[in-house]
Amino acid sequence: RWQSSGSVAAAELKPKGWSTGVVVAAGAAGLVGGIVVSNEDARLRNLVLPSPTSRACCDVQLTDLQRGLAKQLEAIVGKDHVSCNKVLKGTGCGKGTALAYVQP
């Protein structure tokens, strides 16, 4: 990246710099990239997780068949292996009540 001014002498070698256009383009790209990253970061920080008290799917009355599920499971695997209305916590967030929970 050295440019000679005509003579081969080492004392006359001068460094070749970046052109103004390249410097301006790199600065503009950095500025635009910074703005995009900043906007995305602000958007992600404004996201709100749902309230733990919000319910979306389970506010309906149970049918007779659903109410009898625990008894049917107890008859299959034994009463010691079935828990009714057990509160479970999700892996990421949230928790809920299981109608019947079967464990070994």
PDB file of N, CA and C in Angstrom:
ATOM      1  N   ARG A   1       0.824  -1.184   0.000  1.00  0.00           N
ATOM      2  CA  ARG A   1       0.000   0.000   0.000  1.00  0.00           C
ATOM      3  C   ARG A   1       0.869   1.248   0.000  1.00  0.00           C
ATOM      4  N   TRP A   2       1.993   1.118  -0.545  1.00  0.00           N
ATOM      5  CA  TRP A   2       2.883   2.273  -0.664  1.00  0.00           C
ATOM      6  C   TRP A   2       2.952   2.697  -2.110  1.00  0.00           C
ATOM      7  N   GLN A   3       3.076   3.977  -2.327  1.00  0.00           N
ATOM      8  CA  GLN A   3       3.117   4.497  -3.693  1.00  0.00           C
ATOM      9  C   GLN A   3       4.378   5.326  -3.867  1.00  0.00           C
ATOM     10  N   SER A   4       5.071   5.066  -4.926  1.00  0.00           N
ATOM     11  CA  SER A   4       6.302   5.808  -5.215  1.00  0.00           C
ATOM     12  C   SER A   4       5.956   7.062  -5.993  1.00  0.00           C
ATOM     13  N   SER A   5       6.716   8.144  -5.748  1.00  0.00           N
ATOM     14  CA  SER A   5       6.475   9.383  -6.480  1.00  0.00           C
ATOM     15  C   SER A   5       7.339   9.459  -7.729  1.00  0.00           C
ATOM     16  N   GLY A   6       7.830   8.366  -8.198  1.00  0.00           N
ATOM     17  CA  GLY A   6       8.624   8.325  -9.417  1.00  0.00           C
ATOM     18  C   GLY A   6       9.991   7.732  -9.182  1.00  0.00           C
ATOM     19  N   SER A   7      10.636   8.075  -8.126  1.00  0.00           N
ATOM     20  CA  SER A   7      11.964   7.559  -7.816  1.00  0.00           C
ATOM     21  C   SER A   7      11.823   6.311  -6.958  1.00  0.00           C
ATOM     22  N   VAL A   8      12.809   5.451  -6.970  1.00  0.00           N
ATOM     23  CA  VAL A   8      12.749   4.198  -6.242  1.00  0.00           C
ATOM     24  C   VAL A   8      13.329   4.350  -4.830  1.00  0.00           C
ATOM     25  N   ALA A   9      13.840   5.457  -4.501  1.00  0.00           N
ATOM     26  CA  ALA A   9      14.482   5.643  -3.195  1.00  0.00           C
ATOM     27  C   ALA A   9      13.463   5.435  -2.076  1.00  0.00           C
ATOM     28  N   ALA A  10      13.861   4.756  -1.005  1.00  0.00           N
ATOM     29  CA  ALA A  10      12.974   4.443   0.114  1.00  0.00           C
ATOM     30  C   ALA A  10      12.534   5.706   0.825  1.00  0.00           C
ATOM     31  N   ALA A  11      13.313   6.714   0.834  1.00  0.00           N
ATOM     32  CA  ALA A  11      12.965   7.947   1.521  1.00  0.00           C
ATOM     33  C   ALA A  11      11.811   8.660   0.838  1.00  0.00           C
ATOM     34  N   GLU A  12      11.613   8.405  -0.441  1.00  0.00           N
ATOM     35  CA  GLU A  12      10.559   9.094  -1.182  1.00  0.00           C
ATOM     36  C   GLU A  12       9.237   8.316  -1.203  1.00  0.00           C
ATOM     37  N   LEU A  13       9.187   7.113  -0.605  1.00  0.00           N
ATOM     38  CA  LEU A  13       7.933   6.338  -0.586  1.00  0.00           C
ATOM     39  C   LEU A  13       6.955   6.997   0.380  1.00  0.00           C
ATOM     40  N   LYS A  14       5.735   7.187  -0.063  1.00  0.00           N
ATOM     41  CA  LYS A  14       4.702   7.813   0.757  1.00  0.00           C
ATOM     42  C   LYS A  14       3.535   6.838   0.905  1.00  0.00           C
ATOM     43  N   PRO A  15       2.900   6.800   2.091  1.00  0.00           N
ATOM     44  CA  PRO A  15       1.744   5.909   2.232  1.00  0.00           C
ATOM     45  C   PRO A  15       0.584   6.403   1.375  1.00  0.00           C
ATOM     46  N   LYS A  16      -0.127   5.452   0.784  1.00  0.00           N
ATOM     47  CA  LYS A  16      -1.304   5.772  -0.036  1.00  0.00           C
ATOM     48  C   LYS A  16      -2.518   5.704   0.885  1.00  0.00           C
ATOM     49  N   GLY A  17      -3.264   6.784   1.058  1.00  0.00           N
ATOM     50  CA  GLY A  17      -4.401   6.827   1.969  1.00  0.00           C
ATOM     51  C   GLY A  17      -5.697   6.412   1.301  1.00  0.00           C
ATOM     52  N   TRP A  18      -6.733   6.326   2.123  1.00  0.00           N
ATOM     53  CA  TRP A  18      -8.058   5.999   1.616  1.00  0.00           C
ATOM     54  C   TRP A  18      -8.636   7.227   0.921  1.00  0.00           C
ATOM     55  N   SER A  19      -9.415   6.999  -0.111  1.00  0.00           N
ATOM     56  CA  SER A  19     -10.055   8.125  -0.796  1.00  0.00           C
ATOM     57  C   SER A  19     -11.199   8.664   0.069  1.00  0.00           C
ATOM     58  N   THR A  20     -11.558   9.897  -0.133  1.00  0.00           N
ATOM     59  CA  THR A  20     -12.617  10.533   0.644  1.00  0.00           C
ATOM     60  C   THR A  20     -13.940   9.792   0.471  1.00  0.00           C
ATOM     61  N   GLY A  21     -14.207   9.326  -0.722  1.00  0.00           N
ATOM     62  CA  GLY A  21     -15.456   8.602  -0.986  1.00  0.00           C
ATOM     63  C   GLY A  21     -15.574   7.331  -0.172  1.00  0.00           C
ATOM     64  N   VAL A  22     -14.456   6.604  -0.037  1.00  0.00           N
ATOM     65  CA  VAL A  22     -14.472   5.356   0.728  1.00  0.00           C
ATOM     66  C   VAL A  22     -14.699   5.653   2.213  1.00  0.00           C
ATOM     67  N   VAL A  23     -14.056   6.691   2.724  1.00  0.00           N
ATOM     68  CA  VAL A  23     -14.213   7.058   4.125  1.00  0.00           C
ATOM     69  C   VAL A  23     -15.651   7.490   4.414  1.00  0.00           C
ATOM     70  N   VAL A  24     -16.242   8.290   3.523  1.00  0.00           N
ATOM     71  CA  VAL A  24     -17.625   8.751   3.696  1.00  0.00           C
ATOM     72  C   VAL A  24     -18.595   7.572   3.621  1.00  0.00           C
ATOM     73  N   ALA A  25     -18.356   6.666   2.672  1.00  0.00           N
ATOM     74  CA  ALA A  25     -19.234   5.497   2.535  1.00  0.00           C
ATOM     75  C   ALA A  25     -19.167   4.605   3.775  1.00  0.00           C
ATOM     76  N   ALA A  26     -17.965   4.393   4.310  1.00  0.00           N
ATOM     77  CA  ALA A  26     -17.817   3.564   5.507  1.00  0.00           C
ATOM     78  C   ALA A  26     -18.490   4.234   6.706  1.00  0.00           C
ATOM     79  N   GLY A  27     -18.338   5.543   6.821  1.00  0.00           N
ATOM     80  CA  GLY A  27     -18.989   6.265   7.920  1.00  0.00           C
ATOM     81  C   GLY A  27     -20.496   6.219   7.816  1.00  0.00           C
ATOM     82  N   ALA A  28     -21.025   6.383   6.605  1.00  0.00           N
ATOM     83  CA  ALA A  28     -22.479   6.340   6.403  1.00  0.00           C
ATOM     84  C   ALA A  28     -23.028   4.946   6.701  1.00  0.00           C
ATOM     85  N   ALA A  29     -22.291   3.912   6.270  1.00  0.00           N
ATOM     86  CA  ALA A  29     -22.734   2.539   6.538  1.00  0.00           C
ATOM     87  C   ALA A  29     -22.742   2.268   8.043  1.00  0.00           C
ATOM     88  N   GLY A  30     -21.745   2.741   8.749  1.00  0.00           N
ATOM     89  CA  GLY A  30     -21.701   2.571  10.203  1.00  0.00           C
ATOM     90  C   GLY A  30     -22.830   3.300  10.901  1.00  0.00           C
ATOM     91  N   LEU A  31     -23.130   4.514  10.435  1.00  0.00           N
ATOM     92  CA  LEU A  31     -24.214   5.296  11.022  1.00  0.00           C
ATOM     93  C   LEU A  31     -25.563   4.620  10.804  1.00  0.00           C
ATOM     94  N   VAL A  32     -25.833   4.195   9.578  1.00  0.00           N
ATOM     95  CA  VAL A  32     -27.107   3.539   9.274  1.00  0.00           C
ATOM     96  C   VAL A  32     -27.221   2.220  10.042  1.00  0.00           C
ATOM     97  N   GLY A  33     -26.128   1.450  10.082  1.00  0.00           N
ATOM     98  CA  GLY A  33     -26.154   0.193  10.834  1.00  0.00           C
ATOM     99  C   GLY A  33     -26.424   0.423  12.312  1.00  0.00           C
ATOM    100  N   GLY A  34     -25.830   1.458  12.884  1.00  0.00           N
ATOM    101  CA  GLY A  34     -26.064   1.775  14.290  1.00  0.00           C
ATOM    102  C   GLY A  34     -27.504   2.166  14.563  1.00  0.00           C
ATOM    103  N   ILE A  35     -28.091   2.929  13.658  1.00  0.00           N
ATOM    104  CA  ILE A  35     -29.483   3.350  13.827  1.00  0.00           C
ATOM    105  C   ILE A  35     -30.421   2.144  13.757  1.00  0.00           C
ATOM    106  N   VAL A  36     -30.168   1.251  12.801  1.00  0.00           N
ATOM    107  CA  VAL A  36     -31.017   0.060  12.649  1.00  0.00           C
ATOM    108  C   VAL A  36     -30.930  -0.823  13.899  1.00  0.00           C
ATOM    109  N   VAL A  37     -29.730  -1.044  14.394  1.00  0.00           N
ATOM    110  CA  VAL A  37     -29.554  -1.883  15.581  1.00  0.00           C
ATOM    111  C   VAL A  37     -30.213  -1.225  16.793  1.00  0.00           C
ATOM    112  N   SER A  38     -30.070   0.089  16.916  1.00  0.00           N
ATOM    113  CA  SER A  38     -30.673   0.809  18.036  1.00  0.00           C
ATOM    114  C   SER A  38     -32.197   0.720  18.001  1.00  0.00           C
ATOM    115  N   ASN A  39     -32.781   0.883  16.822  1.00  0.00           N
ATOM    116  CA  ASN A  39     -34.245   0.798  16.697  1.00  0.00           C
ATOM    117  C   ASN A  39     -34.756  -0.599  17.035  1.00  0.00           C
ATOM    118  N   GLU A  40     -34.052  -1.627  16.584  1.00  0.00           N
ATOM    119  CA  GLU A  40     -34.472  -3.001  16.880  1.00  0.00           C
ATOM    120  C   GLU A  40     -34.352  -3.289  18.377  1.00  0.00           C
ATOM    121  N   ASP A  41     -33.293  -2.799  19.001  1.00  0.00           N
ATOM    122  CA  ASP A  41     -33.112  -2.978  20.435  1.00  0.00           C
ATOM    123  C   ASP A  41     -34.248  -2.294  21.209  1.00  0.00           C
ATOM    124  N   ALA A  42     -34.603  -1.080  20.803  1.00  0.00           N
ATOM    125  CA  ALA A  42     -35.693  -0.355  21.472  1.00  0.00           C
ATOM    126  C   ALA A  42     -37.019  -1.092  21.298  1.00  0.00           C
ATOM    127  N   ARG A  43     -37.253  -1.653  20.108  1.00  0.00           N
ATOM    128  CA  ARG A  43     -38.492  -2.402  19.865  1.00  0.00           C
ATOM    129  C   ARG A  43     -38.571  -3.628  20.762  1.00  0.00           C
ATOM    130  N   LEU A  44     -37.463  -4.355  20.887  1.00  0.00           N
ATOM    131  CA  LEU A  44     -37.459  -5.558  21.717  1.00  0.00           C
ATOM    132  C   LEU A  44     -37.625  -5.228  23.201  1.00  0.00           C
ATOM    133  N   ARG A  45     -37.075  -4.118  23.640  1.00  0.00           N
ATOM    134  CA  ARG A  45     -37.210  -3.723  25.046  1.00  0.00           C
ATOM    135  C   ARG A  45     -38.640  -3.305  25.393  1.00  0.00           C
ATOM    136  N   ASN A  46     -39.418  -2.905  24.396  1.00  0.00           N
ATOM    137  CA  ASN A  46     -40.795  -2.472  24.652  1.00  0.00           C
ATOM    138  C   ASN A  46     -41.800  -3.618  24.632  1.00  0.00           C
ATOM    139  N   LEU A  47     -41.366  -4.826  24.256  1.00  0.00           N
ATOM    140  CA  LEU A  47     -42.275  -5.973  24.255  1.00  0.00           C
ATOM    141  C   LEU A  47     -42.655  -6.308  25.692  1.00  0.00           C
ATOM    142  N   VAL A  48     -43.882  -6.690  25.894  1.00  0.00           N
ATOM    143  CA  VAL A  48     -44.386  -6.991  27.232  1.00  0.00           C
ATOM    144  C   VAL A  48     -44.908  -8.422  27.238  1.00  0.00           C
ATOM    145  N   LEU A  49     -44.491  -9.183  28.240  1.00  0.00           N
ATOM    146  CA  LEU A  49     -45.007 -10.544  28.389  1.00  0.00           C
ATOM    147  C   LEU A  49     -46.440 -10.482  28.903  1.00  0.00           C
ATOM    148  N   PRO A  50     -47.248 -11.458  28.539  1.00  0.00           N
ATOM    149  CA  PRO A  50     -48.622 -11.462  29.032  1.00  0.00           C
ATOM    150  C   PRO A  50     -48.674 -11.595  30.553  1.00  0.00           C
ATOM    151  N   SER A  51     -49.704 -11.053  31.120  1.00  0.00           N
ATOM    152  CA  SER A  51     -49.892 -11.113  32.564  1.00  0.00           C
ATOM    153  C   SER A  51     -50.105 -12.560  32.995  1.00  0.00           C
ATOM    154  N   PRO A  52     -49.554 -12.950  34.151  1.00  0.00           N
ATOM    155  CA  PRO A  52     -49.768 -14.333  34.600  1.00  0.00           C
ATOM    156  C   PRO A  52     -51.218 -14.629  34.933  1.00  0.00           C
ATOM    157  N   THR A  53     -52.034 -13.601  35.109  1.00  0.00           N
ATOM    158  CA  THR A  53     -53.440 -13.826  35.422  1.00  0.00           C
ATOM    159  C   THR A  53     -54.309 -13.872  34.172  1.00  0.00           C
ATOM    160  N   SER A  54     -53.722 -13.550  33.005  1.00  0.00           N
ATOM    161  CA  SER A  54     -54.535 -13.578  31.785  1.00  0.00           C
ATOM    162  C   SER A  54     -54.801 -15.016  31.376  1.00  0.00           C
ATOM    163  N   ARG A  55     -55.976 -15.269  30.907  1.00  0.00           N
ATOM    164  CA  ARG A  55     -56.360 -16.609  30.485  1.00  0.00           C
ATOM    165  C   ARG A  55     -56.938 -16.514  29.090  1.00  0.00           C
ATOM    166  N   ALA A  56     -56.510 -17.410  28.241  1.00  0.00           N
ATOM    167  CA  ALA A  56     -56.944 -17.322  26.858  1.00  0.00           C
ATOM    168  C   ALA A  56     -57.811 -18.497  26.421  1.00  0.00           C
ATOM    169  N   CYS A  57     -57.580 -19.672  27.014  1.00  0.00           N
ATOM    170  CA  CYS A  57     -58.232 -20.834  26.436  1.00  0.00           C
ATOM    171  C   CYS A  57     -59.036 -21.671  27.426  1.00  0.00           C
ATOM    172  N   CYS A  58     -58.907 -21.402  28.674  1.00  0.00           N
ATOM    173  CA  CYS A  58     -59.420 -22.378  29.632  1.00  0.00           C
ATOM    174  C   CYS A  58     -60.555 -21.842  30.503  1.00  0.00           C
ATOM    175  N   ASP A  59     -61.297 -20.891  30.043  1.00  0.00           N
ATOM    176  CA  ASP A  59     -62.376 -20.326  30.843  1.00  0.00           C
ATOM    177  C   ASP A  59     -63.729 -20.972  30.547  1.00  0.00           C
ATOM    178  N   VAL A  60     -63.723 -22.141  29.936  1.00  0.00           N
ATOM    179  CA  VAL A  60     -64.973 -22.827  29.611  1.00  0.00           C
ATOM    180  C   VAL A  60     -65.253 -23.903  30.658  1.00  0.00           C
ATOM    181  N   GLN A  61     -66.503 -24.274  30.781  1.00  0.00           N
ATOM    182  CA  GLN A  61     -66.899 -25.311  31.722  1.00  0.00           C
ATOM    183  C   GLN A  61     -66.450 -26.678  31.210  1.00  0.00           C
ATOM    184  N   LEU A  62     -66.045 -27.556  32.130  1.00  0.00           N
ATOM    185  CA  LEU A  62     -65.631 -28.901  31.757  1.00  0.00           C
ATOM    186  C   LEU A  62     -66.854 -29.759  31.440  1.00  0.00           C
ATOM    187  N   THR A  63     -66.671 -30.652  30.491  1.00  0.00           N
ATOM    188  CA  THR A  63     -67.734 -31.591  30.166  1.00  0.00           C
ATOM    189  C   THR A  63     -67.686 -32.755  31.163  1.00  0.00           C
ATOM    190  N   ASP A  64     -68.730 -33.579  31.154  1.00  0.00           N
ATOM    191  CA  ASP A  64     -68.754 -34.752  32.032  1.00  0.00           C
ATOM    192  C   ASP A  64     -67.611 -35.708  31.687  1.00  0.00           C
ATOM    193  N   LEU A  65     -67.303 -35.839  30.409  1.00  0.00           N
ATOM    194  CA  LEU A  65     -66.223 -36.717  29.972  1.00  0.00           C
ATOM    195  C   LEU A  65     -64.880 -36.213  30.512  1.00  0.00           C
ATOM    196  N   GLN A  66     -64.658 -34.894  30.476  1.00  0.00           N
ATOM    197  CA  GLN A  66     -63.419 -34.327  30.998  1.00  0.00           C
ATOM    198  C   GLN A  66     -63.331 -34.496  32.517  1.00  0.00           C
ATOM    199  N   ARG A  67     -64.429 -34.321  33.202  1.00  0.00           N
ATOM    200  CA  ARG A  67     -64.422 -34.489  34.661  1.00  0.00           C
ATOM    201  C   ARG A  67     -64.113 -35.930  35.060  1.00  0.00           C
ATOM    202  N   GLY A  68     -64.496 -36.886  34.243  1.00  0.00           N
ATOM    203  CA  GLY A  68     -64.259 -38.296  34.541  1.00  0.00           C
ATOM    204  C   GLY A  68     -62.889 -38.793  34.100  1.00  0.00           C
ATOM    205  N   LEU A  69     -62.107 -37.964  33.448  1.00  0.00           N
ATOM    206  CA  LEU A  69     -60.800 -38.383  32.932  1.00  0.00           C
ATOM    207  C   LEU A  69     -59.866 -38.864  34.048  1.00  0.00           C
ATOM    208  N   ALA A  70     -59.794 -38.139  35.144  1.00  0.00           N
ATOM    209  CA  ALA A  70     -58.896 -38.523  36.234  1.00  0.00           C
ATOM    210  C   ALA A  70     -59.238 -39.913  36.765  1.00  0.00           C
ATOM    211  N   LYS A  71     -60.513 -40.199  36.942  1.00  0.00           N
ATOM    212  CA  LYS A  71     -60.926 -41.520  37.448  1.00  0.00           C
ATOM    213  C   LYS A  71     -60.549 -42.628  36.456  1.00  0.00           C
ATOM    214  N   GLN A  72     -60.702 -42.351  35.157  1.00  0.00           N
ATOM    215  CA  GLN A  72     -60.323 -43.344  34.150  1.00  0.00           C
ATOM    216  C   GLN A  72     -58.817 -43.597  34.169  1.00  0.00           C
ATOM    217  N   LEU A  73     -58.031 -42.535  34.312  1.00  0.00           N
ATOM    218  CA  LEU A  73     -56.580 -42.701  34.376  1.00  0.00           C
ATOM    219  C   LEU A  73     -56.170 -43.451  35.637  1.00  0.00           C
ATOM    220  N   GLU A  74     -56.831 -43.173  36.754  1.00  0.00           N
ATOM    221  CA  GLU A  74     -56.532 -43.888  37.998  1.00  0.00           C
ATOM    222  C   GLU A  74     -56.802 -45.378  37.847  1.00  0.00           C
ATOM    223  N   ALA A  75     -57.863 -45.728  37.103  1.00  0.00           N
ATOM    224  CA  ALA A  75     -58.184 -47.140  36.881  1.00  0.00           C
ATOM    225  C   ALA A  75     -57.114 -47.808  36.008  1.00  0.00           C
ATOM    226  N   ILE A  76     -56.477 -47.045  35.128  1.00  0.00           N
ATOM    227  CA  ILE A  76     -55.471 -47.625  34.222  1.00  0.00           C
ATOM    228  C   ILE A  76     -54.109 -47.734  34.902  1.00  0.00           C
ATOM    229  N   VAL A  77     -53.628 -46.644  35.534  1.00  0.00           N
ATOM    230  CA  VAL A  77     -52.259 -46.625  36.060  1.00  0.00           C
ATOM    231  C   VAL A  77     -52.186 -46.696  37.580  1.00  0.00           C
ATOM    232  N   GLY A  78     -53.296 -46.597  38.257  1.00  0.00           N
ATOM    233  CA  GLY A  78     -53.305 -46.637  39.718  1.00  0.00           C
ATOM    234  C   GLY A  78     -53.427 -45.239  40.309  1.00  0.00           C
ATOM    235  N   LYS A  79     -54.104 -45.177  41.454  1.00  0.00           N
ATOM    236  CA  LYS A  79     -54.404 -43.891  42.077  1.00  0.00           C
ATOM    237  C   LYS A  79     -53.141 -43.147  42.527  1.00  0.00           C
ATOM    238  N   ASP A  80     -52.084 -43.892  42.898  1.00  0.00           N
ATOM    239  CA  ASP A  80     -50.853 -43.259  43.372  1.00  0.00           C
ATOM    240  C   ASP A  80     -50.102 -42.509  42.266  1.00  0.00           C
ATOM    241  N   HIS A  81     -50.450 -42.766  41.016  1.00  0.00           N
ATOM    242  CA  HIS A  81     -49.721 -42.156  39.897  1.00  0.00           C
ATOM    243  C   HIS A  81     -50.467 -40.998  39.241  1.00  0.00           C
ATOM    244  N   VAL A  82     -51.624 -40.642  39.750  1.00  0.00           N
ATOM    245  CA  VAL A  82     -52.433 -39.573  39.148  1.00  0.00           C
ATOM    246  C   VAL A  82     -52.654 -38.468  40.168  1.00  0.00           C
ATOM    247  N   SER A  83     -52.366 -37.247  39.765  1.00  0.00           N
ATOM    248  CA  SER A  83     -52.651 -36.073  40.606  1.00  0.00           C
ATOM    249  C   SER A  83     -53.694 -35.229  39.878  1.00  0.00           C
ATOM    250  N   CYS A  84     -54.675 -34.749  40.621  1.00  0.00           N
ATOM    251  CA  CYS A  84     -55.732 -33.919  40.029  1.00  0.00           C
ATOM    252  C   CYS A  84     -55.497 -32.452  40.373  1.00  0.00           C
ATOM    253  N   ASN A  85     -55.821 -31.581  39.422  1.00  0.00           N
ATOM    254  CA  ASN A  85     -55.715 -30.127  39.615  1.00  0.00           C
ATOM    255  C   ASN A  85     -54.337 -29.708  40.137  1.00  0.00           C
ATOM    256  N   LYS A  86     -53.303 -30.234  39.502  1.00  0.00           N
ATOM    257  CA  LYS A  86     -51.928 -29.930  39.905  1.00  0.00           C
ATOM    258  C   LYS A  86     -51.461 -28.669  39.200  1.00  0.00           C
ATOM    259  N   VAL A  87     -50.866 -27.740  39.955  1.00  0.00           N
ATOM    260  CA  VAL A  87     -50.342 -26.496  39.384  1.00  0.00           C
ATOM    261  C   VAL A  87     -48.960 -26.789  38.815  1.00  0.00           C
ATOM    262  N   LEU A  88     -48.782 -26.486  37.525  1.00  0.00           N
ATOM    263  CA  LEU A  88     -47.513 -26.714  36.836  1.00  0.00           C
ATOM    264  C   LEU A  88     -46.959 -25.390  36.343  1.00  0.00           C
ATOM    265  N   LYS A  89     -45.632 -25.288  36.352  1.00  0.00           N
ATOM    266  CA  LYS A  89     -44.971 -24.079  35.859  1.00  0.00           C
ATOM    267  C   LYS A  89     -44.343 -24.389  34.510  1.00  0.00           C
ATOM    268  N   GLY A  90     -44.485 -23.469  33.544  1.00  0.00           N
ATOM    269  CA  GLY A  90     -43.908 -23.647  32.220  1.00  0.00           C
ATOM    270  C   GLY A  90     -42.399 -23.488  32.240  1.00  0.00           C
ATOM    271  N   THR A  91     -41.737 -23.937  31.167  1.00  0.00           N
ATOM    272  CA  THR A  91     -40.285 -23.835  31.108  1.00  0.00           C
ATOM    273  C   THR A  91     -39.828 -22.410  30.863  1.00  0.00           C
ATOM    274  N   GLY A  92     -40.538 -21.652  30.041  1.00  0.00           N
ATOM    275  CA  GLY A  92     -40.144 -20.273  29.768  1.00  0.00           C
ATOM    276  C   GLY A  92     -40.827 -19.310  30.702  1.00  0.00           C
ATOM    277  N   CYS A  93     -42.119 -19.316  30.671  1.00  0.00           N
ATOM    278  CA  CYS A  93     -42.890 -18.445  31.557  1.00  0.00           C
ATOM    279  C   CYS A  93     -44.293 -19.020  31.674  1.00  0.00           C
ATOM    280  N   GLY A  94     -44.993 -18.572  32.661  1.00  0.00           N
ATOM    281  CA  GLY A  94     -46.375 -18.984  32.842  1.00  0.00           C
ATOM    282  C   GLY A  94     -46.529 -20.196  33.732  1.00  0.00           C
ATOM    283  N   LYS A  95     -47.736 -20.384  34.180  1.00  0.00           N
ATOM    284  CA  LYS A  95     -48.081 -21.574  34.950  1.00  0.00           C
ATOM    285  C   LYS A  95     -49.565 -21.812  34.784  1.00  0.00           C
ATOM    286  N   GLY A  96     -49.995 -23.007  35.098  1.00  0.00           N
ATOM    287  CA  GLY A  96     -51.391 -23.342  34.948  1.00  0.00           C
ATOM    288  C   GLY A  96     -51.738 -24.576  35.755  1.00  0.00           C
ATOM    289  N   THR A  97     -52.995 -24.884  35.795  1.00  0.00           N
ATOM    290  CA  THR A  97     -53.490 -26.026  36.548  1.00  0.00           C
ATOM    291  C   THR A  97     -53.853 -27.141  35.582  1.00  0.00           C
ATOM    292  N   ALA A  98     -53.252 -28.308  35.791  1.00  0.00           N
ATOM    293  CA  ALA A  98     -53.532 -29.465  34.956  1.00  0.00           C
ATOM    294  C   ALA A  98     -54.755 -30.195  35.512  1.00  0.00           C
ATOM    295  N   LEU A  99     -55.646 -30.587  34.633  1.00  0.00           N
ATOM    296  CA  LEU A  99     -56.827 -31.346  35.038  1.00  0.00           C
ATOM    297  C   LEU A  99     -56.414 -32.673  35.673  1.00  0.00           C
ATOM    298  N   ALA A 100     -55.491 -33.378  35.018  1.00  0.00           N
ATOM    299  CA  ALA A 100     -54.958 -34.633  35.559  1.00  0.00           C
ATOM    300  C   ALA A 100     -53.501 -34.716  35.159  1.00  0.00           C
ATOM    301  N   TYR A 101     -52.657 -35.108  36.112  1.00  0.00           N
ATOM    302  CA  TYR A 101     -51.224 -35.222  35.884  1.00  0.00           C
ATOM    303  C   TYR A 101     -50.814 -36.650  36.218  1.00  0.00           C
ATOM    304  N   VAL A 102     -50.271 -37.357  35.217  1.00  0.00           N
ATOM    305  CA  VAL A 102     -49.874 -38.754  35.411  1.00  0.00           C
ATOM    306  C   VAL A 102     -48.360 -38.821  35.457  1.00  0.00           C
ATOM    307  N   GLN A 103     -47.833 -39.501  36.491  1.00  0.00           N
ATOM    308  CA  GLN A 103     -46.389 -39.665  36.611  1.00  0.00           C
ATOM    309  C   GLN A 103     -46.071 -41.118  36.971  1.00  0.00           C
ATOM    310  N   PRO A 104     -44.874 -41.562  36.625  1.00  0.00           N
ATOM    311  CA  PRO A 104     -44.520 -42.967  36.921  1.00  0.00           C
ATOM    312  C   PRO A 104     -44.446 -43.244  38.400  1.00  0.00           C
TER     313      PRO A 104
END
